[in-house]
Amino acid sequence: MTTFLGNPVTLEGEMLKVGDQMPDFEVVTTDLEPFHPMEEKGKKIILAVPSVDTGVCNLELEKFMEYVKGYDDIQVISVSMDLPFALNRWCQAHKGNVLTTSDYKDHDFAKKTGTRMSENGLLARIVFVTDQDGKLTYVEYVDEVGNEPHYDQVLKAAGI
């Protein structure tokens, strides 16, 4: 069960699990361009976060920026419902190696990954790690959205 501020929430769609193929999905970049992360081969850490403007999300993204320094073979992609303009502002303040994307337009990512909370329309805090071919090697639907993920387990799954 997932909670937000201690209250149970309903995640829309089908939740993914280890061994599943990460579905192809479309998000929007900070330049308002459509982007399909799964069209590119390679290891990925995909972070679903409620908003980059919250303390926990900001901290999570900053930590992953540090953890993947020097690992050019791993792409870290953040997905939120934030507008691309807010994501661009965050990127300007935090120069790093995390690609911030938005699912605000079509909610394609949310629909295909079971990450959208019905009660507030935001994405829950979830981490997906894929291998070179897009197969999920780690999935964490964080129990309380206000908590950070288990970084040690994520990094182990990513080979860091």
N, C-alpha and C. Protein backbone atom coordinates (compact mmCIF):
# COMPACT_ATOMS: atom_id res chain seq x y z
N MET A 1 0.84 -1.18 0.00
CA MET A 1 0.00 0.00 0.00
C MET A 1 0.88 1.25 0.00
N THR A 2 0.48 2.23 -0.78
CA THR A 2 1.19 3.50 -0.85
C THR A 2 0.39 4.56 -0.11
N THR A 3 1.11 5.40 0.64
CA THR A 3 0.46 6.50 1.34
C THR A 3 1.10 7.82 0.94
N PHE A 4 0.31 8.88 1.07
CA PHE A 4 0.79 10.25 0.82
C PHE A 4 0.37 11.06 2.04
N LEU A 5 1.37 11.58 2.76
CA LEU A 5 1.14 12.29 4.02
C LEU A 5 0.35 11.43 5.00
N GLY A 6 0.66 10.13 4.98
CA GLY A 6 0.04 9.19 5.90
C GLY A 6 -1.31 8.65 5.48
N ASN A 7 -1.87 9.16 4.39
CA ASN A 7 -3.18 8.72 3.92
C ASN A 7 -3.02 7.78 2.73
N PRO A 8 -3.76 6.66 2.72
CA PRO A 8 -3.68 5.73 1.59
C PRO A 8 -4.08 6.41 0.28
N VAL A 9 -3.38 6.07 -0.79
CA VAL A 9 -3.70 6.58 -2.12
C VAL A 9 -3.89 5.42 -3.08
N THR A 10 -4.60 5.71 -4.15
CA THR A 10 -4.86 4.73 -5.19
C THR A 10 -3.94 5.02 -6.36
N LEU A 11 -3.14 4.03 -6.75
CA LEU A 11 -2.28 4.19 -7.92
C LEU A 11 -3.04 3.67 -9.13
N GLU A 12 -3.13 4.50 -10.14
CA GLU A 12 -3.86 4.15 -11.37
C GLU A 12 -2.98 3.31 -12.28
N GLY A 13 -3.58 2.34 -12.92
CA GLY A 13 -2.86 1.52 -13.88
C GLY A 13 -2.24 0.30 -13.23
N GLU A 14 -1.53 -0.45 -14.04
CA GLU A 14 -0.93 -1.69 -13.59
C GLU A 14 0.49 -1.45 -13.11
N MET A 15 0.77 -1.90 -11.90
CA MET A 15 2.11 -1.75 -11.35
C MET A 15 3.07 -2.72 -12.04
N LEU A 16 4.29 -2.25 -12.26
CA LEU A 16 5.32 -3.08 -12.90
C LEU A 16 6.09 -3.86 -11.85
N LYS A 17 6.77 -4.91 -12.29
CA LYS A 17 7.56 -5.72 -11.37
C LYS A 17 8.88 -6.12 -12.05
N VAL A 18 9.82 -6.55 -11.24
CA VAL A 18 11.11 -7.01 -11.74
C VAL A 18 10.87 -8.13 -12.75
N GLY A 19 11.58 -8.06 -13.86
CA GLY A 19 11.45 -9.04 -14.93
C GLY A 19 10.57 -8.56 -16.06
N ASP A 20 9.70 -7.56 -15.78
CA ASP A 20 8.88 -6.97 -16.85
C ASP A 20 9.76 -6.15 -17.79
N GLN A 21 9.29 -5.96 -18.99
CA GLN A 21 9.92 -5.05 -19.92
C GLN A 21 9.40 -3.65 -19.61
N MET A 22 10.29 -2.69 -19.45
CA MET A 22 9.84 -1.31 -19.23
C MET A 22 9.12 -0.86 -20.49
N PRO A 23 7.87 -0.43 -20.37
CA PRO A 23 7.14 -0.04 -21.57
C PRO A 23 7.72 1.22 -22.21
N ASP A 24 7.57 1.31 -23.52
CA ASP A 24 7.93 2.55 -24.20
C ASP A 24 6.92 3.60 -23.74
N PHE A 25 7.40 4.78 -23.43
CA PHE A 25 6.51 5.85 -23.01
C PHE A 25 7.03 7.18 -23.54
N GLU A 26 6.12 8.13 -23.63
CA GLU A 26 6.49 9.47 -24.10
C GLU A 26 6.31 10.47 -22.98
N VAL A 27 7.35 11.27 -22.78
CA VAL A 27 7.30 12.39 -21.85
C VAL A 27 7.75 13.63 -22.61
N VAL A 28 7.76 14.76 -21.92
CA VAL A 28 8.13 16.02 -22.55
C VAL A 28 9.38 16.56 -21.86
N THR A 29 10.33 17.03 -22.66
CA THR A 29 11.56 17.60 -22.12
C THR A 29 11.33 19.05 -21.69
N THR A 30 12.35 19.63 -21.10
CA THR A 30 12.27 21.04 -20.68
C THR A 30 12.16 21.97 -21.89
N ASP A 31 12.48 21.47 -23.08
CA ASP A 31 12.34 22.25 -24.32
C ASP A 31 10.99 22.01 -24.99
N LEU A 32 10.07 21.37 -24.27
CA LEU A 32 8.72 21.06 -24.76
C LEU A 32 8.71 20.07 -25.93
N GLU A 33 9.78 19.28 -26.03
CA GLU A 33 9.88 18.29 -27.10
C GLU A 33 9.47 16.91 -26.57
N PRO A 34 8.77 16.13 -27.40
CA PRO A 34 8.45 14.76 -26.98
C PRO A 34 9.73 13.92 -26.91
N PHE A 35 9.76 13.01 -25.95
CA PHE A 35 10.95 12.18 -25.74
C PHE A 35 10.50 10.78 -25.35
N HIS A 36 11.12 9.78 -25.98
CA HIS A 36 10.85 8.36 -25.72
C HIS A 36 12.12 7.73 -25.16
N PRO A 37 12.31 7.74 -23.84
CA PRO A 37 13.56 7.22 -23.26
C PRO A 37 13.87 5.77 -23.61
N MET A 38 12.85 4.94 -23.78
CA MET A 38 13.10 3.52 -23.98
C MET A 38 13.49 3.20 -25.42
N GLU A 39 13.47 4.18 -26.30
CA GLU A 39 13.94 3.95 -27.66
C GLU A 39 15.46 3.83 -27.71
N GLU A 40 16.12 4.33 -26.67
CA GLU A 40 17.58 4.27 -26.58
C GLU A 40 17.98 3.07 -25.72
N LYS A 41 18.91 2.27 -26.21
CA LYS A 41 19.44 1.14 -25.44
C LYS A 41 20.28 1.68 -24.29
N GLY A 42 20.46 0.88 -23.28
CA GLY A 42 21.34 1.24 -22.17
C GLY A 42 20.64 1.17 -20.83
N LYS A 43 21.45 1.03 -19.77
CA LYS A 43 20.93 0.99 -18.41
C LYS A 43 20.29 2.33 -18.06
N LYS A 44 19.18 2.23 -17.31
CA LYS A 44 18.48 3.45 -16.90
C LYS A 44 18.01 3.33 -15.47
N ILE A 45 18.05 4.44 -14.78
CA ILE A 45 17.38 4.60 -13.49
C ILE A 45 16.29 5.63 -13.77
N ILE A 46 15.05 5.22 -13.65
CA ILE A 46 13.92 6.10 -13.94
C ILE A 46 13.23 6.41 -12.63
N LEU A 47 13.17 7.68 -12.30
CA LEU A 47 12.62 8.14 -11.03
C LEU A 47 11.28 8.83 -11.25
N ALA A 48 10.22 8.27 -10.71
CA ALA A 48 8.93 8.97 -10.69
C ALA A 48 8.90 9.76 -9.40
N VAL A 49 8.67 11.06 -9.50
CA VAL A 49 8.65 11.93 -8.32
C VAL A 49 7.43 12.86 -8.38
N PRO A 50 6.89 13.24 -7.22
CA PRO A 50 5.73 14.14 -7.21
C PRO A 50 6.04 15.52 -7.80
N SER A 51 7.14 16.16 -7.36
CA SER A 51 7.49 17.48 -7.87
C SER A 51 8.92 17.83 -7.47
N VAL A 52 9.68 18.35 -8.43
CA VAL A 52 11.06 18.75 -8.13
C VAL A 52 11.11 19.92 -7.15
N ASP A 53 9.98 20.58 -6.94
CA ASP A 53 9.93 21.73 -6.03
C ASP A 53 9.70 21.34 -4.58
N THR A 54 9.70 20.03 -4.28
CA THR A 54 9.57 19.61 -2.89
C THR A 54 10.93 19.18 -2.36
N GLY A 55 11.10 19.27 -1.06
CA GLY A 55 12.39 18.97 -0.44
C GLY A 55 12.88 17.56 -0.69
N VAL A 56 12.02 16.57 -0.53
CA VAL A 56 12.45 15.18 -0.69
C VAL A 56 12.81 14.88 -2.14
N CYS A 57 12.00 15.37 -3.08
CA CYS A 57 12.30 15.14 -4.51
C CYS A 57 13.62 15.81 -4.90
N ASN A 58 13.80 17.03 -4.45
CA ASN A 58 15.03 17.76 -4.73
C ASN A 58 16.23 16.98 -4.18
N LEU A 59 16.12 16.52 -2.94
CA LEU A 59 17.20 15.76 -2.32
C LEU A 59 17.48 14.47 -3.08
N GLU A 60 16.43 13.76 -3.46
CA GLU A 60 16.59 12.50 -4.20
C GLU A 60 17.34 12.74 -5.51
N LEU A 61 16.93 13.74 -6.26
CA LEU A 61 17.59 14.00 -7.54
C LEU A 61 19.04 14.42 -7.33
N GLU A 62 19.30 15.25 -6.32
CA GLU A 62 20.68 15.66 -6.04
C GLU A 62 21.55 14.45 -5.69
N LYS A 63 20.99 13.53 -4.88
CA LYS A 63 21.77 12.34 -4.49
C LYS A 63 22.08 11.48 -5.71
N PHE A 64 21.09 11.28 -6.58
CA PHE A 64 21.35 10.46 -7.76
C PHE A 64 22.37 11.13 -8.69
N MET A 65 22.36 12.46 -8.76
CA MET A 65 23.37 13.16 -9.56
C MET A 65 24.76 12.82 -9.05
N GLU A 66 24.93 12.76 -7.74
CA GLU A 66 26.22 12.42 -7.16
C GLU A 66 26.57 10.95 -7.37
N TYR A 67 25.60 10.08 -7.13
CA TYR A 67 25.84 8.64 -7.21
C TYR A 67 26.28 8.19 -8.60
N VAL A 68 25.76 8.81 -9.65
CA VAL A 68 26.06 8.32 -11.00
C VAL A 68 27.21 9.08 -11.67
N LYS A 69 27.82 10.01 -10.97
CA LYS A 69 29.00 10.69 -11.54
C LYS A 69 30.04 9.65 -11.92
N GLY A 70 30.52 9.74 -13.14
CA GLY A 70 31.53 8.81 -13.61
C GLY A 70 30.97 7.53 -14.21
N TYR A 71 29.66 7.36 -14.15
CA TYR A 71 29.01 6.18 -14.74
C TYR A 71 28.26 6.62 -15.99
N ASP A 72 29.01 6.82 -17.05
CA ASP A 72 28.42 7.32 -18.29
C ASP A 72 27.53 6.30 -18.98
N ASP A 73 27.57 5.05 -18.53
CA ASP A 73 26.76 4.01 -19.15
C ASP A 73 25.36 3.90 -18.51
N ILE A 74 25.07 4.77 -17.54
CA ILE A 74 23.76 4.75 -16.87
C ILE A 74 23.10 6.11 -17.04
N GLN A 75 21.88 6.09 -17.56
CA GLN A 75 21.12 7.33 -17.73
C GLN A 75 20.09 7.42 -16.61
N VAL A 76 20.05 8.58 -15.94
CA VAL A 76 19.07 8.82 -14.90
C VAL A 76 18.03 9.78 -15.45
N ILE A 77 16.76 9.35 -15.40
CA ILE A 77 15.66 10.13 -15.94
C ILE A 77 14.63 10.34 -14.84
N SER A 78 14.31 11.58 -14.60
CA SER A 78 13.27 11.91 -13.63
C SER A 78 11.99 12.25 -14.39
N VAL A 79 10.86 11.74 -13.88
CA VAL A 79 9.56 12.03 -14.49
C VAL A 79 8.65 12.57 -13.39
N SER A 80 7.99 13.69 -13.68
CA SER A 80 7.01 14.26 -12.75
C SER A 80 5.89 14.89 -13.56
N MET A 81 4.91 15.39 -12.86
CA MET A 81 3.82 16.12 -13.52
C MET A 81 4.14 17.62 -13.57
N ASP A 82 5.32 18.00 -13.11
CA ASP A 82 5.73 19.41 -13.18
C ASP A 82 5.70 19.90 -14.62
N LEU A 83 5.35 21.15 -14.80
CA LEU A 83 5.42 21.74 -16.13
C LEU A 83 6.88 21.85 -16.56
N PRO A 84 7.17 21.74 -17.84
CA PRO A 84 8.55 21.85 -18.32
C PRO A 84 9.24 23.14 -17.88
N PHE A 85 8.50 24.22 -17.70
CA PHE A 85 9.10 25.49 -17.28
C PHE A 85 9.66 25.37 -15.87
N ALA A 86 8.94 24.70 -14.98
CA ALA A 86 9.43 24.48 -13.61
C ALA A 86 10.65 23.57 -13.62
N LEU A 87 10.61 22.54 -14.47
CA LEU A 87 11.75 21.64 -14.58
C LEU A 87 12.98 22.38 -15.10
N ASN A 88 12.79 23.26 -16.06
CA ASN A 88 13.89 24.04 -16.60
C ASN A 88 14.50 24.92 -15.51
N ARG A 89 13.66 25.54 -14.70
CA ARG A 89 14.14 26.37 -13.59
C ARG A 89 14.97 25.51 -12.63
N TRP A 90 14.49 24.31 -12.30
CA TRP A 90 15.22 23.42 -11.41
C TRP A 90 16.58 23.06 -12.02
N CYS A 91 16.58 22.74 -13.31
CA CYS A 91 17.82 22.36 -14.00
C CYS A 91 18.83 23.51 -13.99
N GLN A 92 18.36 24.73 -14.15
CA GLN A 92 19.26 25.88 -14.14
C GLN A 92 19.94 26.02 -12.78
N ALA A 93 19.23 25.69 -11.72
CA ALA A 93 19.78 25.79 -10.37
C ALA A 93 20.62 24.58 -9.98
N HIS A 94 20.47 23.47 -10.67
CA HIS A 94 21.15 22.23 -10.33
C HIS A 94 21.78 21.62 -11.58
N LYS A 95 22.92 22.12 -11.94
CA LYS A 95 23.60 21.55 -13.11
C LYS A 95 24.01 20.12 -12.79
N GLY A 96 23.54 19.20 -13.59
CA GLY A 96 23.87 17.81 -13.30
C GLY A 96 23.55 16.88 -14.44
N ASN A 97 23.54 15.61 -14.11
CA ASN A 97 23.42 14.54 -15.10
C ASN A 97 22.11 13.79 -15.00
N VAL A 98 21.07 14.43 -14.46
CA VAL A 98 19.74 13.84 -14.41
C VAL A 98 18.88 14.54 -15.45
N LEU A 99 18.27 13.76 -16.31
CA LEU A 99 17.38 14.32 -17.32
C LEU A 99 15.99 14.46 -16.70
N THR A 100 15.52 15.69 -16.54
CA THR A 100 14.20 15.90 -15.95
C THR A 100 13.17 16.01 -17.07
N THR A 101 12.08 15.24 -16.93
CA THR A 101 11.03 15.22 -17.94
C THR A 101 9.67 15.35 -17.28
N SER A 102 8.68 15.70 -18.08
CA SER A 102 7.33 15.91 -17.58
C SER A 102 6.33 14.97 -18.25
N ASP A 103 5.38 14.52 -17.46
CA ASP A 103 4.30 13.67 -17.95
C ASP A 103 2.97 14.42 -17.91
N TYR A 104 3.05 15.76 -17.86
CA TYR A 104 1.86 16.60 -17.68
C TYR A 104 0.88 16.50 -18.85
N LYS A 105 1.38 16.29 -20.04
CA LYS A 105 0.55 16.44 -21.24
C LYS A 105 -0.41 15.27 -21.46
N ASP A 106 0.12 14.09 -21.67
CA ASP A 106 -0.73 12.93 -22.00
C ASP A 106 -0.78 11.88 -20.89
N HIS A 107 0.05 12.05 -19.85
CA HIS A 107 0.11 11.09 -18.75
C HIS A 107 0.47 9.69 -19.25
N ASP A 108 1.22 9.62 -20.34
CA ASP A 108 1.57 8.34 -20.94
C ASP A 108 2.40 7.48 -19.99
N PHE A 109 3.39 8.08 -19.35
CA PHE A 109 4.23 7.36 -18.39
C PHE A 109 3.37 6.81 -17.25
N ALA A 110 2.53 7.67 -16.68
CA ALA A 110 1.69 7.27 -15.55
C ALA A 110 0.77 6.11 -15.92
N LYS A 111 0.17 6.19 -17.09
CA LYS A 111 -0.77 5.15 -17.52
C LYS A 111 -0.08 3.80 -17.68
N LYS A 112 1.16 3.81 -18.14
CA LYS A 112 1.86 2.56 -18.44
C LYS A 112 2.66 1.99 -17.28
N THR A 113 2.79 2.76 -16.18
CA THR A 113 3.64 2.31 -15.08
C THR A 113 2.93 2.24 -13.73
N GLY A 114 1.66 2.58 -13.67
CA GLY A 114 0.92 2.53 -12.41
C GLY A 114 1.47 3.47 -11.36
N THR A 115 1.78 4.69 -11.75
CA THR A 115 2.46 5.63 -10.86
C THR A 115 1.63 6.85 -10.44
N ARG A 116 0.50 7.10 -11.09
CA ARG A 116 -0.29 8.31 -10.79
C ARG A 116 -1.24 8.06 -9.64
N MET A 117 -1.21 9.00 -8.68
CA MET A 117 -2.11 8.92 -7.53
C MET A 117 -3.44 9.57 -7.91
N SER A 118 -4.53 8.80 -7.85
CA SER A 118 -5.87 9.29 -8.21
C SER A 118 -6.27 10.50 -7.37
N GLU A 119 -5.92 10.47 -6.11
CA GLU A 119 -6.39 11.49 -5.17
C GLU A 119 -5.85 12.89 -5.44
N ASN A 120 -4.66 13.01 -6.02
CA ASN A 120 -4.09 14.35 -6.23
C ASN A 120 -3.50 14.57 -7.63
N GLY A 121 -3.48 13.56 -8.47
CA GLY A 121 -2.99 13.71 -9.84
C GLY A 121 -1.49 13.75 -9.98
N LEU A 122 -0.75 13.61 -8.88
CA LEU A 122 0.71 13.61 -8.93
C LEU A 122 1.22 12.18 -9.10
N LEU A 123 2.50 12.07 -9.45
CA LEU A 123 3.13 10.76 -9.48
C LEU A 123 3.61 10.40 -8.08
N ALA A 124 3.50 9.14 -7.73
CA ALA A 124 4.05 8.66 -6.47
C ALA A 124 5.56 8.53 -6.63
N ARG A 125 6.25 8.30 -5.52
CA ARG A 125 7.70 8.14 -5.58
C ARG A 125 8.02 6.67 -5.89
N ILE A 126 8.58 6.47 -7.07
CA ILE A 126 8.85 5.11 -7.54
C ILE A 126 10.17 5.11 -8.29
N VAL A 127 10.91 4.03 -8.17
CA VAL A 127 12.19 3.89 -8.87
C VAL A 127 12.15 2.62 -9.72
N PHE A 128 12.55 2.79 -10.98
CA PHE A 128 12.68 1.67 -11.90
C PHE A 128 14.14 1.63 -12.37
N VAL A 129 14.73 0.46 -12.36
CA VAL A 129 16.08 0.28 -12.92
C VAL A 129 15.96 -0.74 -14.04
N THR A 130 16.52 -0.39 -15.20
CA THR A 130 16.48 -1.31 -16.34
C THR A 130 17.89 -1.74 -16.73
N ASP A 131 17.96 -2.89 -17.36
CA ASP A 131 19.23 -3.33 -17.93
C ASP A 131 19.40 -2.71 -19.32
N GLN A 132 20.41 -3.12 -20.03
CA GLN A 132 20.72 -2.58 -21.36
C GLN A 132 19.55 -2.69 -22.33
N ASP A 133 18.73 -3.72 -22.16
CA ASP A 133 17.65 -3.99 -23.10
C ASP A 133 16.27 -3.56 -22.61
N GLY A 134 16.25 -2.82 -21.51
CA GLY A 134 14.98 -2.30 -21.01
C GLY A 134 14.21 -3.22 -20.09
N LYS A 135 14.84 -4.33 -19.67
CA LYS A 135 14.18 -5.23 -18.74
C LYS A 135 14.39 -4.69 -17.32
N LEU A 136 13.31 -4.72 -16.52
CA LEU A 136 13.39 -4.19 -15.16
C LEU A 136 14.16 -5.12 -14.24
N THR A 137 15.23 -4.58 -13.63
CA THR A 137 16.03 -5.34 -12.67
C THR A 137 15.74 -4.90 -11.24
N TYR A 138 15.02 -3.78 -11.08
CA TYR A 138 14.66 -3.28 -9.75
C TYR A 138 13.43 -2.40 -9.89
N VAL A 139 12.49 -2.57 -8.98
CA VAL A 139 11.29 -1.73 -8.92
C VAL A 139 11.00 -1.44 -7.46
N GLU A 140 10.85 -0.17 -7.14
CA GLU A 140 10.48 0.20 -5.77
C GLU A 140 9.35 1.23 -5.80
N TYR A 141 8.18 0.79 -5.37
CA TYR A 141 7.06 1.70 -5.13
C TYR A 141 7.20 2.09 -3.66
N VAL A 142 7.75 3.26 -3.40
CA VAL A 142 8.03 3.68 -2.02
C VAL A 142 6.72 3.75 -1.24
N ASP A 143 6.70 3.10 -0.07
CA ASP A 143 5.47 2.98 0.73
C ASP A 143 4.84 4.34 1.06
N GLU A 144 5.65 5.25 1.57
CA GLU A 144 5.17 6.60 1.90
C GLU A 144 5.84 7.56 0.92
N VAL A 145 5.04 8.27 0.15
CA VAL A 145 5.56 9.13 -0.92
C VAL A 145 6.55 10.17 -0.38
N GLY A 146 6.40 10.56 0.87
CA GLY A 146 7.30 11.55 1.47
C GLY A 146 8.65 10.99 1.88
N ASN A 147 8.85 9.69 1.75
CA ASN A 147 10.13 9.05 2.11
C ASN A 147 11.01 8.91 0.88
N GLU A 148 12.32 8.80 1.13
CA GLU A 148 13.27 8.57 0.05
C GLU A 148 13.31 7.08 -0.29
N PRO A 149 13.75 6.76 -1.50
CA PRO A 149 13.88 5.34 -1.87
C PRO A 149 15.08 4.71 -1.17
N HIS A 150 15.22 3.41 -1.31
CA HIS A 150 16.37 2.69 -0.75
C HIS A 150 17.54 2.81 -1.74
N TYR A 151 18.32 3.84 -1.56
CA TYR A 151 19.41 4.14 -2.52
C TYR A 151 20.37 2.97 -2.69
N ASP A 152 20.74 2.31 -1.59
CA ASP A 152 21.70 1.22 -1.68
C ASP A 152 21.21 0.10 -2.59
N GLN A 153 19.92 -0.21 -2.52
CA GLN A 153 19.35 -1.27 -3.36
C GLN A 153 19.28 -0.84 -4.82
N VAL A 154 18.94 0.44 -5.04
CA VAL A 154 18.86 0.98 -6.40
C VAL A 154 20.25 0.91 -7.05
N LEU A 155 21.25 1.38 -6.31
CA LEU A 155 22.60 1.43 -6.85
C LEU A 155 23.14 0.02 -7.12
N LYS A 156 22.84 -0.92 -6.25
CA LYS A 156 23.27 -2.30 -6.45
C LYS A 156 22.64 -2.85 -7.74
N ALA A 157 21.36 -2.60 -7.93
CA ALA A 157 20.66 -3.09 -9.13
C ALA A 157 21.22 -2.46 -10.40
N ALA A 158 21.70 -1.22 -10.27
CA ALA A 158 22.26 -0.52 -11.43
C ALA A 158 23.73 -0.86 -11.67
N GLY A 159 24.33 -1.62 -10.74
CA GLY A 159 25.72 -1.99 -10.90
C GLY A 159 26.70 -0.92 -10.46
N ILE A 160 26.27 -0.10 -9.52
CA ILE A 160 27.13 1.00 -9.02
C ILE A 160 27.67 0.61 -7.65
